[in-house]
Amino acid sequence: MKSITTRFKETKHKIPYLADTPIFLLCLINTDKPRLIRKHFNKCVSENDYERSEKEQIIKDLLFRLSYF
């Protein structure tokens, strides 16, 4: 299975008009490890998109929502 970052780059190339965060969400399919989600979110989503506190809240929200799948 490809890493989240690899899937992110491929998807970003295929859909260049979509923002980083929605592309990242598409790449989380079949990923359930919080550590990997945090790591790759910080690698994939531009640092200028969110402040640190906003990023943490987004990651917490993602993890919460993914726990229901």
PDB file of N, CA and C in Angstrom:
ATOM      1  N   MET A   1       0.840  -1.178   0.000  1.00  0.00           N
ATOM      2  CA  MET A   1       0.000   0.000   0.000  1.00  0.00           C
ATOM      3  C   MET A   1       0.891   1.250   0.000  1.00  0.00           C
ATOM      4  N   LYS A   2       0.490   2.234  -0.755  1.00  0.00           N
ATOM      5  CA  LYS A   2       1.249   3.480  -0.844  1.00  0.00           C
ATOM      6  C   LYS A   2       1.066   4.296   0.424  1.00  0.00           C
ATOM      7  N   SER A   3       2.063   5.100   0.726  1.00  0.00           N
ATOM      8  CA  SER A   3       1.956   5.972   1.899  1.00  0.00           C
ATOM      9  C   SER A   3       0.944   7.083   1.631  1.00  0.00           C
ATOM     10  N   ILE A   4       0.506   7.698   2.701  1.00  0.00           N
ATOM     11  CA  ILE A   4      -0.452   8.798   2.581  1.00  0.00           C
ATOM     12  C   ILE A   4       0.158   9.933   1.763  1.00  0.00           C
ATOM     13  N   THR A   5       1.414  10.217   1.990  1.00  0.00           N
ATOM     14  CA  THR A   5       2.084  11.303   1.277  1.00  0.00           C
ATOM     15  C   THR A   5       2.153  11.012  -0.223  1.00  0.00           C
ATOM     16  N   THR A   6       2.454   9.787  -0.579  1.00  0.00           N
ATOM     17  CA  THR A   6       2.512   9.418  -1.991  1.00  0.00           C
ATOM     18  C   THR A   6       1.135   9.553  -2.634  1.00  0.00           C
ATOM     19  N   ARG A   7       0.108   9.061  -1.957  1.00  0.00           N
ATOM     20  CA  ARG A   7      -1.250   9.191  -2.481  1.00  0.00           C
ATOM     21  C   ARG A   7      -1.647  10.658  -2.587  1.00  0.00           C
ATOM     22  N   PHE A   8      -1.217  11.474  -1.605  1.00  0.00           N
ATOM     23  CA  PHE A   8      -1.509  12.903  -1.626  1.00  0.00           C
ATOM     24  C   PHE A   8      -0.904  13.549  -2.869  1.00  0.00           C
ATOM     25  N   LYS A   9       0.361  13.280  -3.119  1.00  0.00           N
ATOM     26  CA  LYS A   9       1.034  13.884  -4.275  1.00  0.00           C
ATOM     27  C   LYS A   9       0.382  13.459  -5.588  1.00  0.00           C
ATOM     28  N   GLU A  10       0.024  12.192  -5.700  1.00  0.00           N
ATOM     29  CA  GLU A  10      -0.617  11.714  -6.918  1.00  0.00           C
ATOM     30  C   GLU A  10      -1.987  12.369  -7.114  1.00  0.00           C
ATOM     31  N   THR A  11      -2.752  12.467  -6.033  1.00  0.00           N
ATOM     32  CA  THR A  11      -4.074  13.076  -6.120  1.00  0.00           C
ATOM     33  C   THR A  11      -3.966  14.561  -6.416  1.00  0.00           C
ATOM     34  N   LYS A  12      -3.003  15.236  -5.790  1.00  0.00           N
ATOM     35  CA  LYS A  12      -2.780  16.662  -6.032  1.00  0.00           C
ATOM     36  C   LYS A  12      -2.446  16.902  -7.507  1.00  0.00           C
ATOM     37  N   HIS A  13      -1.685  15.997  -8.074  1.00  0.00           N
ATOM     38  CA  HIS A  13      -1.337  16.105  -9.495  1.00  0.00           C
ATOM     39  C   HIS A  13      -2.575  15.902 -10.380  1.00  0.00           C
ATOM     40  N   LYS A  14      -3.441  14.956  -9.986  1.00  0.00           N
ATOM     41  CA  LYS A  14      -4.643  14.660 -10.775  1.00  0.00           C
ATOM     42  C   LYS A  14      -5.709  15.737 -10.630  1.00  0.00           C
ATOM     43  N   ILE A  15      -5.810  16.333  -9.428  1.00  0.00           N
ATOM     44  CA  ILE A  15      -6.846  17.338  -9.155  1.00  0.00           C
ATOM     45  C   ILE A  15      -6.177  18.602  -8.611  1.00  0.00           C
ATOM     46  N   PRO A  16      -5.481  19.360  -9.451  1.00  0.00           N
ATOM     47  CA  PRO A  16      -4.696  20.501  -8.967  1.00  0.00           C
ATOM     48  C   PRO A  16      -5.529  21.662  -8.423  1.00  0.00           C
ATOM     49  N   TYR A  17      -6.791  21.751  -8.809  1.00  0.00           N
ATOM     50  CA  TYR A  17      -7.627  22.866  -8.363  1.00  0.00           C
ATOM     51  C   TYR A  17      -8.217  22.664  -6.978  1.00  0.00           C
ATOM     52  N   LEU A  18      -8.065  21.480  -6.391  1.00  0.00           N
ATOM     53  CA  LEU A  18      -8.602  21.192  -5.073  1.00  0.00           C
ATOM     54  C   LEU A  18      -7.588  21.589  -3.998  1.00  0.00           C
ATOM     55  N   ALA A  19      -8.070  22.144  -2.890  1.00  0.00           N
ATOM     56  CA  ALA A  19      -7.186  22.578  -1.796  1.00  0.00           C
ATOM     57  C   ALA A  19      -6.531  21.369  -1.121  1.00  0.00           C
ATOM     58  N   ASP A  20      -5.480  21.632  -0.354  1.00  0.00           N
ATOM     59  CA  ASP A  20      -4.709  20.565   0.285  1.00  0.00           C
ATOM     60  C   ASP A  20      -5.528  19.717   1.264  1.00  0.00           C
ATOM     61  N   THR A  21      -6.341  20.352   2.090  1.00  0.00           N
ATOM     62  CA  THR A  21      -7.060  19.606   3.128  1.00  0.00           C
ATOM     63  C   THR A  21      -8.049  18.597   2.537  1.00  0.00           C
ATOM     64  N   PRO A  22      -8.884  18.959   1.567  1.00  0.00           N
ATOM     65  CA  PRO A  22      -9.769  17.943   0.977  1.00  0.00           C
ATOM     66  C   PRO A  22      -9.011  16.805   0.296  1.00  0.00           C
ATOM     67  N   ILE A  23      -7.905  17.116  -0.335  1.00  0.00           N
ATOM     68  CA  ILE A  23      -7.092  16.063  -0.951  1.00  0.00           C
ATOM     69  C   ILE A  23      -6.566  15.135   0.128  1.00  0.00           C
ATOM     70  N   PHE A  24      -6.109  15.711   1.234  1.00  0.00           N
ATOM     71  CA  PHE A  24      -5.614  14.895   2.336  1.00  0.00           C
ATOM     72  C   PHE A  24      -6.710  13.965   2.843  1.00  0.00           C
ATOM     73  N   LEU A  25      -7.919  14.473   2.963  1.00  0.00           N
ATOM     74  CA  LEU A  25      -9.043  13.649   3.430  1.00  0.00           C
ATOM     75  C   LEU A  25      -9.294  12.476   2.486  1.00  0.00           C
ATOM     76  N   LEU A  26      -9.191  12.706   1.202  1.00  0.00           N
ATOM     77  CA  LEU A  26      -9.367  11.627   0.236  1.00  0.00           C
ATOM     78  C   LEU A  26      -8.302  10.538   0.418  1.00  0.00           C
ATOM     79  N   CYS A  27      -7.139  10.929   0.835  1.00  0.00           N
ATOM     80  CA  CYS A  27      -6.025   9.993   0.975  1.00  0.00           C
ATOM     81  C   CYS A  27      -6.069   9.189   2.270  1.00  0.00           C
ATOM     82  N   LEU A  28      -6.976   9.507   3.157  1.00  0.00           N
ATOM     83  CA  LEU A  28      -7.056   8.797   4.430  1.00  0.00           C
ATOM     84  C   LEU A  28      -7.836   7.495   4.364  1.00  0.00           C
ATOM     85  N   ILE A  29      -8.392   7.201   3.218  1.00  0.00           N
ATOM     86  CA  ILE A  29      -9.143   5.958   3.076  1.00  0.00           C
ATOM     87  C   ILE A  29      -8.230   4.785   3.435  1.00  0.00           C
ATOM     88  N   ASN A  30      -8.729   3.910   4.285  1.00  0.00           N
ATOM     89  CA  ASN A  30      -8.016   2.718   4.773  1.00  0.00           C
ATOM     90  C   ASN A  30      -6.847   3.043   5.702  1.00  0.00           C
ATOM     91  N   THR A  31      -6.839   4.214   6.271  1.00  0.00           N
ATOM     92  CA  THR A  31      -5.800   4.580   7.236  1.00  0.00           C
ATOM     93  C   THR A  31      -6.461   4.797   8.589  1.00  0.00           C
ATOM     94  N   ASP A  32      -6.011   4.074   9.594  1.00  0.00           N
ATOM     95  CA  ASP A  32      -6.651   4.193  10.893  1.00  0.00           C
ATOM     96  C   ASP A  32      -5.667   4.484  12.026  1.00  0.00           C
ATOM     97  N   LYS A  33      -4.444   4.761  11.716  1.00  0.00           N
ATOM     98  CA  LYS A  33      -3.438   4.993  12.744  1.00  0.00           C
ATOM     99  C   LYS A  33      -3.270   6.489  12.989  1.00  0.00           C
ATOM    100  N   PRO A  34      -3.631   6.963  14.175  1.00  0.00           N
ATOM    101  CA  PRO A  34      -3.548   8.397  14.478  1.00  0.00           C
ATOM    102  C   PRO A  34      -2.159   8.990  14.263  1.00  0.00           C
ATOM    103  N   ARG A  35      -1.136   8.234  14.606  1.00  0.00           N
ATOM    104  CA  ARG A  35       0.234   8.734  14.454  1.00  0.00           C
ATOM    105  C   ARG A  35       0.536   9.032  12.988  1.00  0.00           C
ATOM    106  N   LEU A  36       0.115   8.146  12.104  1.00  0.00           N
ATOM    107  CA  LEU A  36       0.352   8.359  10.669  1.00  0.00           C
ATOM    108  C   LEU A  36      -0.459   9.529  10.138  1.00  0.00           C
ATOM    109  N   ILE A  37      -1.675   9.664  10.617  1.00  0.00           N
ATOM    110  CA  ILE A  37      -2.510  10.769  10.172  1.00  0.00           C
ATOM    111  C   ILE A  37      -1.881  12.101  10.561  1.00  0.00           C
ATOM    112  N   ARG A  38      -1.423  12.219  11.795  1.00  0.00           N
ATOM    113  CA  ARG A  38      -0.753  13.458  12.246  1.00  0.00           C
ATOM    114  C   ARG A  38       0.500  13.745  11.421  1.00  0.00           C
ATOM    115  N   LYS A  39       1.317  12.732  11.276  1.00  0.00           N
ATOM    116  CA  LYS A  39       2.587  12.891  10.564  1.00  0.00           C
ATOM    117  C   LYS A  39       2.359  13.369   9.124  1.00  0.00           C
ATOM    118  N   HIS A  40       1.468  12.702   8.424  1.00  0.00           N
ATOM    119  CA  HIS A  40       1.267  13.028   7.023  1.00  0.00           C
ATOM    120  C   HIS A  40       0.451  14.300   6.827  1.00  0.00           C
ATOM    121  N   PHE A  41      -0.411  14.636   7.760  1.00  0.00           N
ATOM    122  CA  PHE A  41      -1.123  15.913   7.667  1.00  0.00           C
ATOM    123  C   PHE A  41      -0.108  17.050   7.669  1.00  0.00           C
ATOM    124  N   ASN A  42       0.847  16.978   8.584  1.00  0.00           N
ATOM    125  CA  ASN A  42       1.866  18.030   8.670  1.00  0.00           C
ATOM    126  C   ASN A  42       2.776  18.047   7.448  1.00  0.00           C
ATOM    127  N   LYS A  43       2.980  16.907   6.805  1.00  0.00           N
ATOM    128  CA  LYS A  43       3.803  16.850   5.602  1.00  0.00           C
ATOM    129  C   LYS A  43       3.049  17.366   4.377  1.00  0.00           C
ATOM    130  N   CYS A  44       1.761  17.066   4.307  1.00  0.00           N
ATOM    131  CA  CYS A  44       0.999  17.323   3.080  1.00  0.00           C
ATOM    132  C   CYS A  44       0.339  18.691   3.035  1.00  0.00           C
ATOM    133  N   VAL A  45      -0.252  19.108   4.119  1.00  0.00           N
ATOM    134  CA  VAL A  45      -0.994  20.366   4.125  1.00  0.00           C
ATOM    135  C   VAL A  45      -0.021  21.516   4.369  1.00  0.00           C
ATOM    136  N   SER A  46      -0.123  22.525   3.556  1.00  0.00           N
ATOM    137  CA  SER A  46       0.786  23.661   3.633  1.00  0.00           C
ATOM    138  C   SER A  46       0.792  24.293   5.029  1.00  0.00           C
ATOM    139  N   GLU A  47       1.953  24.665   5.491  1.00  0.00           N
ATOM    140  CA  GLU A  47       2.089  25.274   6.817  1.00  0.00           C
ATOM    141  C   GLU A  47       1.336  26.596   6.919  1.00  0.00           C
ATOM    142  N   ASN A  48       1.176  27.277   5.808  1.00  0.00           N
ATOM    143  CA  ASN A  48       0.526  28.581   5.800  1.00  0.00           C
ATOM    144  C   ASN A  48      -0.995  28.506   5.811  1.00  0.00           C
ATOM    145  N   ASP A  49      -1.539  27.306   5.635  1.00  0.00           N
ATOM    146  CA  ASP A  49      -2.996  27.165   5.578  1.00  0.00           C
ATOM    147  C   ASP A  49      -3.657  27.383   6.945  1.00  0.00           C
ATOM    148  N   TYR A  50      -3.025  26.910   7.990  1.00  0.00           N
ATOM    149  CA  TYR A  50      -3.619  26.971   9.330  1.00  0.00           C
ATOM    150  C   TYR A  50      -2.572  27.320  10.373  1.00  0.00           C
ATOM    151  N   GLU A  51      -3.041  27.919  11.464  1.00  0.00           N
ATOM    152  CA  GLU A  51      -2.174  28.119  12.620  1.00  0.00           C
ATOM    153  C   GLU A  51      -2.033  26.788  13.339  1.00  0.00           C
ATOM    154  N   ARG A  52      -1.051  26.698  14.217  1.00  0.00           N
ATOM    155  CA  ARG A  52      -0.781  25.439  14.920  1.00  0.00           C
ATOM    156  C   ARG A  52      -1.999  24.932  15.692  1.00  0.00           C
ATOM    157  N   SER A  53      -2.676  25.815  16.413  1.00  0.00           N
ATOM    158  CA  SER A  53      -3.843  25.410  17.198  1.00  0.00           C
ATOM    159  C   SER A  53      -4.976  24.929  16.289  1.00  0.00           C
ATOM    160  N   GLU A  54      -5.120  25.561  15.133  1.00  0.00           N
ATOM    161  CA  GLU A  54      -6.148  25.135  14.177  1.00  0.00           C
ATOM    162  C   GLU A  54      -5.830  23.744  13.620  1.00  0.00           C
ATOM    163  N   LYS A  55      -4.560  23.520  13.319  1.00  0.00           N
ATOM    164  CA  LYS A  55      -4.150  22.216  12.812  1.00  0.00           C
ATOM    165  C   LYS A  55      -4.471  21.120  13.819  1.00  0.00           C
ATOM    166  N   GLU A  56      -4.144  21.364  15.074  1.00  0.00           N
ATOM    167  CA  GLU A  56      -4.409  20.367  16.118  1.00  0.00           C
ATOM    168  C   GLU A  56      -5.902  20.074  16.211  1.00  0.00           C
ATOM    169  N   GLN A  57      -6.726  21.095  16.103  1.00  0.00           N
ATOM    170  CA  GLN A  57      -8.171  20.895  16.185  1.00  0.00           C
ATOM    171  C   GLN A  57      -8.675  20.117  14.965  1.00  0.00           C
ATOM    172  N   ILE A  58      -8.141  20.411  13.814  1.00  0.00           N
ATOM    173  CA  ILE A  58      -8.536  19.688  12.599  1.00  0.00           C
ATOM    174  C   ILE A  58      -8.147  18.215  12.716  1.00  0.00           C
ATOM    175  N   ILE A  59      -6.953  17.950  13.188  1.00  0.00           N
ATOM    176  CA  ILE A  59      -6.499  16.572  13.344  1.00  0.00           C
ATOM    177  C   ILE A  59      -7.373  15.837  14.363  1.00  0.00           C
ATOM    178  N   LYS A  60      -7.681  16.481  15.477  1.00  0.00           N
ATOM    179  CA  LYS A  60      -8.559  15.854  16.474  1.00  0.00           C
ATOM    180  C   LYS A  60      -9.921  15.536  15.875  1.00  0.00           C
ATOM    181  N   ASP A  61     -10.446  16.463  15.105  1.00  0.00           N
ATOM    182  CA  ASP A  61     -11.741  16.258  14.468  1.00  0.00           C
ATOM    183  C   ASP A  61     -11.681  15.104  13.461  1.00  0.00           C
ATOM    184  N   LEU A  62     -10.626  15.047  12.678  1.00  0.00           N
ATOM    185  CA  LEU A  62     -10.454  13.951  11.732  1.00  0.00           C
ATOM    186  C   LEU A  62     -10.411  12.600  12.439  1.00  0.00           C
ATOM    187  N   LEU A  63      -9.624  12.532  13.493  1.00  0.00           N
ATOM    188  CA  LEU A  63      -9.510  11.280  14.225  1.00  0.00           C
ATOM    189  C   LEU A  63     -10.842  10.863  14.829  1.00  0.00           C
ATOM    190  N   PHE A  64     -11.581  11.837  15.340  1.00  0.00           N
ATOM    191  CA  PHE A  64     -12.895  11.547  15.909  1.00  0.00           C
ATOM    192  C   PHE A  64     -13.843  11.012  14.841  1.00  0.00           C
ATOM    193  N   ARG A  65     -13.866  11.677  13.708  1.00  0.00           N
ATOM    194  CA  ARG A  65     -14.779  11.265  12.627  1.00  0.00           C
ATOM    195  C   ARG A  65     -14.377   9.912  12.033  1.00  0.00           C
ATOM    196  N   LEU A  66     -13.090   9.667  11.926  1.00  0.00           N
ATOM    197  CA  LEU A  66     -12.638   8.403  11.370  1.00  0.00           C
ATOM    198  C   LEU A  66     -12.911   7.224  12.310  1.00  0.00           C
ATOM    199  N   SER A  67     -13.061   7.507  13.583  1.00  0.00           N
ATOM    200  CA  SER A  67     -13.332   6.437  14.539  1.00  0.00           C
ATOM    201  C   SER A  67     -14.711   5.838  14.334  1.00  0.00           C
ATOM    202  N   TYR A  68     -15.585   6.504  13.603  1.00  0.00           N
ATOM    203  CA  TYR A  68     -16.916   5.992  13.345  1.00  0.00           C
ATOM    204  C   TYR A  68     -17.001   5.117  12.103  1.00  0.00           C
ATOM    205  N   PHE A  69     -15.935   5.055  11.315  1.00  0.00           N
ATOM    206  CA  PHE A  69     -15.967   4.250  10.085  1.00  0.00           C
ATOM    207  C   PHE A  69     -15.493   2.863  10.331  1.00  0.00           C
TER     208      PHE A  69
END
